[in-house]
Amino acid sequence: MAAPRLVFLYGPPAVGKLTVARAIADRLPFRILHNHVTIDAVTEVLPFGSETFWGVVGRFRRDLVAAAAKEGIDLIYTYVFAPGDEQHVAEIVAPYEEARGTVVFVQLLAPREVLLERVLADSRKEHGKPTDPETLEQMLDEYDNFTALAAPDSLTIDLAATSASAAADRIIDHLASG
């Protein structure tokens, strides 16, 4: 079994993480664990946002990633990172590192005004993502979602200047060169 690969895509809400993840998965045999898969599942049982809710979401994500790494599955993980989330990042990456896999961090960015336009997209409703500029403004004001992770193998891509398809190509090229 080949060493598994993890692409850790992160950036602010509405930047296009899932769109880029799907563009990669259309070209390579990667599975996608996007942040709302776990949120949606846990919201069916627990009230959104409580400490218990976030604890279950975190464990669910860690367990899924660990199982994927153990099975040798190439995975794209999407996440809205903010300073203070470093422990979660380390816990997500650890199973792939333990499996001697490849981990690539990709920060996706776009200016605030672009995010405020993209939040209106109908496709965001599918997973209960924020769909109004006011909610997104509050989230962007409350959390610093533009900070880069301190990671050795990382890319930063401006999705206001780069299409999702071109971003996927860059990530795939980076994977191939590593």
Protein backbone atom coordinates (compact mmCIF):
# COMPACT_ATOMS: atom_id res chain seq x y z
CA MET A 1 0.00 0.00 0.00
CA ALA A 2 1.37 3.42 -0.96
CA ALA A 3 1.85 6.03 1.74
CA PRO A 4 -1.35 8.07 2.05
CA ARG A 5 -1.52 11.76 1.19
CA LEU A 6 -3.36 14.49 3.11
CA VAL A 7 -4.15 17.86 1.58
CA PHE A 8 -5.14 20.21 4.40
CA LEU A 9 -7.11 23.03 2.72
CA TYR A 10 -7.88 25.95 4.96
CA GLY A 11 -9.13 29.50 4.70
CA PRO A 12 -11.99 31.77 5.65
CA PRO A 13 -15.64 30.87 5.11
CA ALA A 14 -16.82 31.28 1.49
CA VAL A 15 -13.30 31.28 0.04
CA GLY A 16 -13.90 28.15 -2.05
CA LYS A 17 -12.35 25.28 -0.08
CA LEU A 18 -14.93 22.69 -1.11
CA THR A 19 -14.87 23.85 -4.74
CA VAL A 20 -11.09 23.42 -4.90
CA ALA A 21 -11.32 20.09 -3.05
CA ARG A 22 -13.81 18.81 -5.62
CA ALA A 23 -11.58 20.01 -8.48
CA ILE A 24 -8.68 17.98 -7.03
CA ALA A 25 -10.87 14.92 -6.43
CA ASP A 26 -12.10 15.12 -10.03
CA ARG A 27 -8.49 14.61 -11.17
CA LEU A 28 -6.99 12.35 -8.49
CA PRO A 29 -8.44 9.54 -6.35
CA PHE A 30 -8.79 11.67 -3.21
CA ARG A 31 -11.72 11.54 -0.80
CA ILE A 32 -13.01 14.78 0.71
CA LEU A 33 -13.74 15.41 4.36
CA HIS A 34 -15.10 18.92 4.32
CA ASN A 35 -15.86 20.67 7.55
CA HIS A 36 -19.64 20.64 7.11
CA VAL A 37 -19.91 16.85 6.72
CA THR A 38 -19.23 16.44 10.41
CA ILE A 39 -21.08 19.57 11.47
CA ASP A 40 -24.20 18.46 9.58
CA ALA A 41 -24.13 14.99 11.14
CA VAL A 42 -23.69 16.24 14.71
CA THR A 43 -26.29 19.00 14.29
CA GLU A 44 -28.88 16.27 13.73
CA VAL A 45 -28.42 15.21 17.36
CA LEU A 46 -26.87 18.03 19.39
CA PRO A 47 -27.56 21.77 19.56
CA PHE A 48 -25.16 23.67 17.30
CA GLY A 49 -22.31 25.51 18.96
CA SER A 50 -22.35 24.04 22.45
CA GLU A 51 -19.16 22.76 24.07
CA THR A 52 -20.49 19.20 23.78
CA PHE A 53 -21.31 19.78 20.10
CA TRP A 54 -17.77 20.98 19.25
CA GLY A 55 -16.22 18.15 21.27
CA VAL A 56 -18.14 15.54 19.30
CA VAL A 57 -17.36 17.26 15.98
CA GLY A 58 -13.65 17.29 16.85
CA ARG A 59 -13.60 13.62 17.85
CA PHE A 60 -15.62 12.65 14.77
CA ARG A 61 -13.17 14.47 12.50
CA ARG A 62 -10.11 12.99 14.22
CA ASP A 63 -11.55 9.47 14.09
CA LEU A 64 -12.45 9.75 10.39
CA VAL A 65 -9.01 11.09 9.49
CA ALA A 66 -7.23 8.43 11.54
CA ALA A 67 -9.27 5.68 9.87
CA ALA A 68 -8.55 7.11 6.41
CA ALA A 69 -4.82 7.25 7.11
CA LYS A 70 -4.84 3.69 8.45
CA GLU A 71 -6.64 2.50 5.31
CA GLY A 72 -4.16 4.35 3.06
CA ILE A 73 -6.79 6.73 1.72
CA ASP A 74 -5.68 9.98 0.09
CA LEU A 75 -7.75 12.69 1.76
CA ILE A 76 -8.56 16.36 1.34
CA TYR A 77 -9.53 17.96 4.64
CA THR A 78 -11.16 21.41 4.60
CA TYR A 79 -11.07 23.64 7.62
CA VAL A 80 -11.69 27.22 8.73
CA PHE A 81 -8.51 27.82 10.73
CA ALA A 82 -8.02 30.57 13.30
CA PRO A 83 -5.18 31.08 15.77
CA GLY A 84 -5.84 28.80 18.73
CA ASP A 85 -6.73 25.83 16.48
CA GLU A 86 -3.13 24.56 16.26
CA GLN A 87 -3.84 21.55 18.49
CA HIS A 88 -6.69 20.42 16.24
CA VAL A 89 -4.46 20.78 13.18
CA ALA A 90 -1.74 18.69 14.86
CA GLU A 91 -4.27 15.99 15.76
CA ILE A 92 -5.59 15.85 12.18
CA VAL A 93 -2.12 15.65 10.64
CA ALA A 94 -0.67 13.11 13.11
CA PRO A 95 -2.26 9.94 11.62
CA TYR A 96 -0.86 10.75 8.17
CA GLU A 97 2.57 11.49 9.60
CA GLU A 98 2.46 8.25 11.61
CA ALA A 99 1.61 6.39 8.39
CA ARG A 100 4.67 8.02 6.80
CA GLY A 101 2.34 9.82 4.44
CA THR A 102 2.62 13.17 2.73
CA VAL A 103 0.93 16.22 4.24
CA VAL A 104 0.48 19.40 2.23
CA PHE A 105 -1.03 22.54 3.72
CA VAL A 106 -2.83 24.90 1.35
CA GLN A 107 -4.13 28.25 2.51
CA LEU A 108 -6.86 29.63 0.28
CA LEU A 109 -7.44 33.36 0.47
CA ALA A 110 -9.62 36.02 -1.11
CA PRO A 111 -10.27 39.63 -0.10
CA ARG A 112 -13.11 40.25 2.34
CA GLU A 113 -15.29 41.91 -0.32
CA VAL A 114 -14.99 38.80 -2.53
CA LEU A 115 -16.00 36.55 0.37
CA LEU A 116 -19.02 38.75 1.03
CA GLU A 117 -20.11 38.24 -2.59
CA ARG A 118 -19.45 34.49 -2.59
CA VAL A 119 -21.40 33.89 0.62
CA LEU A 120 -24.57 34.50 -1.40
CA ALA A 121 -24.02 31.46 -3.67
CA ASP A 122 -26.92 29.01 -3.67
CA SER A 123 -24.52 26.07 -3.42
CA ARG A 124 -23.73 27.09 0.17
CA LYS A 125 -27.27 26.18 1.27
CA GLU A 126 -26.65 22.47 0.64
CA HIS A 127 -24.67 22.10 3.87
CA GLY A 128 -26.20 24.83 5.99
CA LYS A 129 -23.26 27.17 5.46
CA PRO A 130 -23.69 30.86 6.21
CA THR A 131 -25.39 32.49 3.23
CA ASP A 132 -25.73 36.11 4.24
CA PRO A 133 -23.10 38.86 4.35
CA GLU A 134 -24.06 39.97 7.87
CA THR A 135 -23.34 36.56 9.41
CA LEU A 136 -20.09 36.28 7.48
CA GLU A 137 -19.05 39.78 8.58
CA GLN A 138 -19.60 38.78 12.22
CA MET A 139 -17.55 35.60 11.76
CA LEU A 140 -14.70 37.46 10.06
CA ASP A 141 -14.72 40.11 12.78
CA GLU A 142 -14.71 37.52 15.57
CA TYR A 143 -12.02 35.18 14.21
CA ASP A 144 -8.78 35.78 12.36
CA ASN A 145 -9.30 33.37 9.47
CA PHE A 146 -6.57 34.94 7.35
CA THR A 147 -3.59 33.81 9.44
CA ALA A 148 -1.32 31.24 7.84
CA LEU A 149 -0.36 28.04 9.62
CA ALA A 150 3.31 27.64 10.38
CA ALA A 151 3.81 24.60 8.16
CA PRO A 152 6.88 23.39 6.31
CA ASP A 153 5.20 22.16 3.12
CA SER A 154 2.62 24.78 2.29
CA LEU A 155 1.10 26.81 -0.50
CA THR A 156 -0.95 29.98 -0.40
CA ILE A 157 -3.36 30.59 -3.26
CA ASP A 158 -5.43 33.72 -3.88
CA LEU A 159 -8.77 32.48 -5.15
CA ALA A 160 -9.80 35.95 -6.22
CA ALA A 161 -7.02 35.82 -8.84
CA THR A 162 -6.99 32.06 -9.50
CA SER A 163 -9.81 29.76 -10.58
CA ALA A 164 -10.60 26.65 -8.55
CA SER A 165 -9.41 24.54 -11.48
CA ALA A 166 -6.08 26.39 -11.70
CA ALA A 167 -5.69 26.15 -7.91
CA ALA A 168 -6.28 22.39 -8.12
CA ASP A 169 -3.62 22.16 -10.83
CA ARG A 170 -1.12 24.01 -8.62
CA ILE A 171 -1.85 21.73 -5.67
CA ILE A 172 -1.54 18.62 -7.81
CA ASP A 173 1.77 19.87 -9.24
CA HIS A 174 2.99 20.55 -5.70
CA LEU A 175 2.01 17.03 -4.63
CA ALA A 176 3.85 15.56 -7.62
CA SER A 177 7.02 17.54 -6.87
CA GLY A 178 7.10 16.53 -3.21
